[in-house]
């Protein structure tokens, strides 16, 4: 009887997942028919109103209180409101990823995309130097856009991503990303091998590095100890290739600024090899600096400290 109930429970969950997946894919298709700017504006209010009732809101509040002990509860709530608004915009914009890139070098400030000084030149250099490189990013602004920039510049890049658990949604997400982002590597036990293979083929490997990683390197983030994914540092140690950071800053009027940094000077050990923990800390500190500039644009809603 118990076994039958378990099977029935699993079957019910699977059915719910399929229904949820079909609905999510339908929403994505519906959003594609709408004006991206209008729907992004509409979703900011919806996300902020709904978000404050979700458990993630409490997580975000606790994270912000720990990171900014000097801020008042009202200031923290104001940042959280911005976090939900940014997430709402990202959700709406996701359905239009293939339509967001409009950067024109001849008119660099005319479209929704602008590049920070030196970024265009760095993309060209990475594309043309014939060498692999590592690129780290964070959940800032619309964090999907740097991959669009790489594709627009013809930069061969392999991107690590986390596939949604619901199969129909995962398939739809992969289709959207593949059309605009090149090679995709799903997270999992085989990801480091696939990343290494991409580097050996001369590609550039990119990943988000700002979430808690159980088996990661010990780092300090906003003055508190936590763990971060050391994959970038480990690959740099093995292949001795340069490390760059990239971020997106959301601007007024549905615009974005994309930045690709100069190569980061990775700390070395006594043998001259890249030091994994110290390099992971350096990357974490760079990301912290980015977040401090625009805290309302970072995804504070996950448990960064455990």
Protein backbone atom coordinates (compact mmCIF):
# COMPACT_ATOMS: atom_id res chain seq x y z
CA UNK A 1 0.00 0.00 0.00
CA UNK A 2 2.80 2.40 0.94
CA UNK A 3 4.70 1.61 -2.26
CA UNK A 4 1.58 2.22 -4.32
CA UNK A 5 1.05 5.57 -2.61
CA UNK A 6 4.64 6.55 -3.36
CA UNK A 7 4.20 5.65 -7.02
CA UNK A 8 0.95 7.60 -7.13
CA UNK A 9 2.66 10.58 -5.51
CA UNK A 10 5.51 10.49 -8.03
CA UNK A 11 3.03 10.22 -10.86
CA UNK A 12 1.11 13.22 -9.57
CA UNK A 13 4.31 15.29 -9.28
CA UNK A 14 5.33 14.31 -12.80
CA UNK A 15 1.94 15.30 -14.14
CA UNK A 16 2.09 18.66 -12.35
CA UNK A 17 5.59 19.24 -13.74
CA UNK A 18 4.41 18.55 -17.29
CA UNK A 19 1.44 20.90 -16.91
CA UNK A 20 3.66 23.59 -15.39
CA UNK A 21 6.15 23.14 -18.22
CA UNK A 22 3.48 23.49 -20.90
CA UNK A 23 2.13 26.62 -19.22
CA UNK A 24 5.62 28.14 -18.88
CA UNK A 25 6.41 27.51 -22.53
CA UNK A 26 3.07 29.06 -23.44
CA UNK A 27 3.89 32.15 -21.40
CA UNK A 28 7.25 32.48 -23.17
CA UNK A 29 5.54 32.31 -26.55
CA UNK A 30 2.95 34.86 -25.46
CA UNK A 31 5.63 37.25 -24.21
CA UNK A 32 7.40 37.06 -27.57
CA UNK A 33 4.32 38.55 -29.21
CA UNK A 34 4.40 41.59 -26.95
CA UNK A 35 6.54 44.71 -27.01
CA UNK A 36 9.59 43.86 -24.87
CA UNK A 37 9.82 47.30 -23.25
CA UNK A 38 6.14 47.47 -22.35
CA UNK A 39 5.99 43.98 -20.92
CA UNK A 40 9.24 44.54 -18.99
CA UNK A 41 7.74 47.67 -17.41
CA UNK A 42 4.55 45.81 -16.54
CA UNK A 43 6.36 42.90 -14.92
CA UNK A 44 8.36 45.15 -12.57
CA UNK A 45 5.25 46.04 -10.58
CA UNK A 46 3.92 42.50 -10.67
CA UNK A 47 7.20 40.99 -9.50
CA UNK A 48 7.68 43.49 -6.65
CA UNK A 49 4.11 43.01 -5.38
CA UNK A 50 4.24 39.21 -5.49
CA UNK A 51 7.87 38.86 -4.47
CA UNK A 52 7.50 40.42 -1.04
CA UNK A 53 5.19 37.58 -0.02
CA UNK A 54 7.57 34.82 -1.09
CA UNK A 55 10.13 33.01 1.14
CA UNK A 56 12.92 34.36 -1.08
CA UNK A 57 12.07 37.86 0.11
CA UNK A 58 12.99 36.86 3.67
CA UNK A 59 16.23 35.33 2.38
CA UNK A 60 17.05 38.54 0.54
CA UNK A 61 16.27 40.65 3.60
CA UNK A 62 18.56 38.52 5.78
CA UNK A 63 21.33 38.64 3.18
CA UNK A 64 21.14 42.42 2.90
CA UNK A 65 21.03 42.90 6.66
CA UNK A 66 24.19 40.80 6.96
CA UNK A 67 25.97 42.54 4.08
CA UNK A 68 24.91 46.07 5.05
CA UNK A 69 24.55 46.19 8.86
CA UNK A 70 24.61 49.99 8.68
CA UNK A 71 21.46 50.21 6.54
CA UNK A 72 18.01 50.75 8.04
CA UNK A 73 15.13 48.30 7.47
CA UNK A 74 13.55 50.85 5.13
CA UNK A 75 16.73 51.08 3.04
CA UNK A 76 16.94 47.30 2.82
CA UNK A 77 13.32 47.03 1.71
CA UNK A 78 13.95 49.66 -0.96
CA UNK A 79 16.87 47.62 -2.33
CA UNK A 80 14.72 44.49 -2.29
CA UNK A 81 12.02 46.26 -4.24
CA UNK A 82 14.63 47.02 -6.89
CA UNK A 83 15.80 43.39 -6.86
CA UNK A 84 12.31 42.13 -7.63
CA UNK A 85 11.79 44.78 -10.30
CA UNK A 86 15.06 43.80 -11.97
CA UNK A 87 14.11 40.12 -11.83
CA UNK A 88 10.73 40.91 -13.36
CA UNK A 89 12.42 42.74 -16.22
CA UNK A 90 14.88 39.89 -16.79
CA UNK A 91 11.96 37.44 -16.98
CA UNK A 92 10.16 39.52 -19.58
CA UNK A 93 13.32 40.22 -21.55
CA UNK A 94 14.26 36.57 -21.67
CA UNK A 95 11.59 35.81 -24.24
CA UNK A 96 13.13 38.49 -26.49
CA UNK A 97 16.82 37.64 -26.14
CA UNK A 98 17.34 37.43 -29.89
CA UNK A 99 15.88 40.95 -30.30
CA UNK A 100 17.67 42.82 -27.53
CA UNK A 101 21.09 43.18 -29.16
CA UNK A 102 21.16 46.36 -31.26
CA UNK A 103 24.65 47.77 -30.69
CA UNK A 104 25.91 49.77 -33.66
CA UNK A 105 29.60 50.83 -33.50
CA UNK A 106 28.82 53.74 -35.82
CA UNK A 107 26.16 55.00 -33.39
CA UNK A 108 27.28 53.57 -30.03
CA UNK A 109 24.73 55.42 -27.91
CA UNK A 110 21.71 55.16 -30.19
CA UNK A 111 20.32 51.76 -29.16
CA UNK A 112 19.45 49.90 -26.00
CA UNK A 113 22.98 48.47 -25.71
CA UNK A 114 26.11 50.48 -24.95
CA UNK A 115 29.60 49.19 -24.26
CA UNK A 116 31.89 50.43 -21.49
CA UNK A 117 35.14 52.05 -22.68
CA UNK A 118 37.59 49.48 -24.03
CA UNK A 119 35.05 46.64 -24.09
CA UNK A 120 34.67 46.49 -27.86
CA UNK A 121 38.45 46.38 -28.32
CA UNK A 122 38.78 43.58 -25.74
CA UNK A 123 36.13 41.46 -27.47
CA UNK A 124 37.98 41.87 -30.77
CA UNK A 125 41.31 41.01 -29.14
CA UNK A 126 39.90 37.85 -27.54
CA UNK A 127 38.34 36.86 -30.86
CA UNK A 128 41.49 37.37 -32.91
CA UNK A 129 44.36 36.29 -30.65
CA UNK A 130 43.80 32.58 -31.31
CA UNK A 131 44.00 31.71 -27.62
CA UNK A 132 41.46 30.37 -25.10
CA UNK A 133 40.34 32.52 -22.19
CA UNK A 134 38.13 32.32 -19.10
CA UNK A 135 35.31 34.76 -18.40
CA UNK A 136 33.39 35.14 -15.12
CA UNK A 137 30.08 36.91 -14.63
CA UNK A 138 27.46 37.55 -11.94
CA UNK A 139 23.67 37.77 -11.66
CA UNK A 140 23.64 41.52 -12.27
CA UNK A 141 21.32 43.55 -14.50
CA UNK A 142 20.33 41.17 -17.27
CA UNK A 143 23.08 38.57 -16.91
CA UNK A 144 22.19 36.86 -20.21
CA UNK A 145 23.45 39.77 -22.32
CA UNK A 146 27.25 39.22 -22.19
CA UNK A 147 26.80 35.97 -24.09
CA UNK A 148 24.92 37.91 -26.77
CA UNK A 149 27.82 40.34 -26.98
CA UNK A 150 30.29 37.50 -27.42
CA UNK A 151 28.17 36.00 -30.20
CA UNK A 152 27.80 39.39 -31.90
CA UNK A 153 31.60 39.76 -32.00
CA UNK A 154 32.08 36.23 -33.30
CA UNK A 155 33.77 35.09 -30.08
CA UNK A 156 33.64 31.29 -29.86
CA UNK A 157 32.38 30.72 -26.34
CA UNK A 158 31.17 27.80 -24.26
CA UNK A 159 28.75 28.91 -21.54
CA UNK A 160 27.99 26.97 -18.36
CA UNK A 161 24.29 27.08 -17.51
CA UNK A 162 21.85 25.43 -15.15
CA UNK A 163 19.01 23.70 -16.96
CA UNK A 164 15.52 23.99 -15.43
CA UNK A 165 14.23 20.80 -13.82
CA UNK A 166 11.01 20.77 -15.85
CA UNK A 167 11.78 19.13 -19.20
CA UNK A 168 9.55 21.28 -21.51
CA UNK A 169 10.95 24.45 -19.94
CA UNK A 170 14.51 23.14 -20.19
CA UNK A 171 14.00 22.40 -23.89
CA UNK A 172 12.54 25.85 -24.55
CA UNK A 173 15.32 27.57 -22.61
CA UNK A 174 18.03 25.62 -24.41
CA UNK A 175 16.50 26.49 -27.79
CA UNK A 176 16.47 30.22 -26.95
CA UNK A 177 20.03 30.16 -25.64
CA UNK A 178 21.46 28.01 -28.44
CA UNK A 179 20.17 30.41 -31.07
CA UNK A 180 22.03 33.31 -29.47
CA UNK A 181 24.84 32.02 -27.28
CA UNK A 182 26.74 29.27 -29.07
CA UNK A 183 27.92 26.19 -27.20
CA UNK A 184 26.11 25.41 -23.94
CA UNK A 185 27.43 23.25 -21.11
CA UNK A 186 24.86 22.14 -18.52
CA UNK A 187 25.97 22.07 -14.91
CA UNK A 188 26.77 18.64 -13.58
CA UNK A 189 29.57 16.18 -12.98
CA UNK A 190 30.74 16.32 -16.60
CA UNK A 191 30.88 20.12 -16.83
CA UNK A 192 34.61 20.54 -15.95
CA UNK A 193 35.62 18.02 -18.62
CA UNK A 194 33.49 19.75 -21.25
CA UNK A 195 34.89 23.13 -20.23
CA UNK A 196 38.43 21.78 -20.54
CA UNK A 197 37.63 20.35 -23.96
CA UNK A 198 36.33 23.74 -25.09
CA UNK A 199 39.52 25.46 -23.92
CA UNK A 200 41.70 22.88 -25.65
CA UNK A 201 39.80 23.66 -28.84
CA UNK A 202 40.68 27.34 -28.46
CA UNK A 203 37.23 28.44 -27.28
CA UNK A 204 36.46 30.81 -24.41
CA UNK A 205 34.70 29.43 -21.34
CA UNK A 206 32.24 31.61 -19.39
CA UNK A 207 30.26 31.04 -16.22
CA UNK A 208 28.40 32.78 -13.40
CA UNK A 209 30.40 32.64 -10.16
CA UNK A 210 28.35 34.45 -7.53
CA UNK A 211 26.30 31.69 -5.88
CA UNK A 212 27.10 29.44 -2.93
CA UNK A 213 28.95 26.27 -3.94
CA UNK A 214 28.99 23.45 -1.38
CA UNK A 215 32.34 21.98 -2.41
CA UNK A 216 33.89 25.33 -3.25
CA UNK A 217 36.87 27.34 -2.08
CA UNK A 218 36.61 29.32 1.15
CA UNK A 219 36.25 33.05 0.44
CA UNK A 220 35.17 36.22 2.18
CA UNK A 221 32.16 37.99 0.67
CA UNK A 222 30.83 41.22 2.20
CA UNK A 223 32.95 40.49 5.27
CA UNK A 224 31.53 37.01 5.87
CA UNK A 225 32.98 33.60 5.16
CA UNK A 226 31.31 31.52 2.44
CA UNK A 227 32.19 29.19 -0.42
CA UNK A 228 32.56 29.97 -4.13
CA UNK A 229 32.95 27.83 -7.22
CA UNK A 230 36.69 27.55 -8.00
CA UNK A 231 36.27 26.19 -11.55
CA UNK A 232 37.60 29.33 -13.25
CA UNK A 233 40.71 29.34 -11.04
CA UNK A 234 41.32 25.62 -11.48
CA UNK A 235 41.05 25.85 -15.25
CA UNK A 236 43.37 28.87 -15.23
CA UNK A 237 45.88 26.89 -13.16
CA UNK A 238 45.79 23.96 -15.56
CA UNK A 239 45.76 25.87 -18.86
CA UNK A 240 47.42 29.12 -17.72
CA UNK A 241 45.01 31.19 -19.82
CA UNK A 242 43.82 34.75 -19.05
CA UNK A 243 40.79 35.53 -16.89
CA UNK A 244 38.36 38.36 -17.69
CA UNK A 245 35.25 39.57 -15.92
CA UNK A 246 32.04 40.73 -17.57
CA UNK A 247 28.98 42.45 -16.17
CA UNK A 248 25.80 44.22 -17.21
CA UNK A 249 24.52 47.44 -15.65
CA UNK A 250 20.86 48.22 -16.20
CA UNK A 251 20.36 51.84 -17.29
CA UNK A 252 17.19 53.99 -17.49
CA UNK A 253 14.88 53.76 -20.51
CA UNK A 254 15.35 50.00 -21.08
CA UNK A 255 19.06 50.34 -21.81
CA UNK A 256 22.14 48.37 -20.68
CA UNK A 257 25.86 48.92 -20.35
CA UNK A 258 28.07 45.87 -20.93
CA UNK A 259 31.62 45.73 -19.64
CA UNK A 260 34.43 43.28 -20.34
CA UNK A 261 37.41 43.88 -18.07
CA UNK A 262 41.10 43.67 -18.82
CA UNK A 263 42.70 40.35 -17.92
CA UNK A 264 42.77 39.84 -14.16
CA UNK A 265 46.22 39.34 -12.64
CA UNK A 266 45.69 35.96 -10.99
CA UNK A 267 47.73 35.38 -7.81
CA UNK A 268 50.49 32.77 -8.14
CA UNK A 269 51.93 30.23 -5.72
CA UNK A 270 55.60 29.60 -4.98
CA UNK A 271 55.94 27.53 -8.16
CA UNK A 272 54.51 30.28 -10.33
CA UNK A 273 51.20 28.50 -10.93
CA UNK A 274 47.78 30.11 -10.49
CA UNK A 275 46.77 29.87 -6.81
CA UNK A 276 43.22 28.48 -6.79
CA UNK A 277 41.92 29.82 -3.47
CA UNK A 278 43.53 33.25 -3.82
CA UNK A 279 42.27 33.63 -7.39
CA UNK A 280 38.76 32.59 -6.39
CA UNK A 281 38.90 35.20 -3.62
CA UNK A 282 40.06 37.84 -6.09
CA UNK A 283 37.17 37.05 -8.44
CA UNK A 284 34.72 37.12 -5.50
CA UNK A 285 36.05 40.52 -4.40
CA UNK A 286 35.63 41.93 -7.91
CA UNK A 287 32.03 40.71 -7.98
CA UNK A 288 31.42 42.25 -4.55
CA UNK A 289 32.67 45.59 -5.87
CA UNK A 290 30.25 45.38 -8.78
CA UNK A 291 27.35 44.60 -6.44
CA UNK A 292 28.18 47.50 -4.13
CA UNK A 293 27.83 49.87 -7.09
CA UNK A 294 24.29 48.66 -7.89
CA UNK A 295 22.98 46.44 -5.06
CA UNK A 296 19.40 46.60 -6.34
CA UNK A 297 20.49 44.88 -9.56
CA UNK A 298 21.97 41.76 -7.92
CA UNK A 299 20.03 38.58 -7.15
CA UNK A 300 20.05 38.65 -3.34
CA UNK A 301 17.33 36.00 -3.18
CA UNK A 302 19.49 32.89 -2.79
CA UNK A 303 21.30 31.78 0.39
CA UNK A 304 24.79 33.08 -0.33
CA UNK A 305 26.00 32.32 3.21
CA UNK A 306 25.33 28.90 4.81
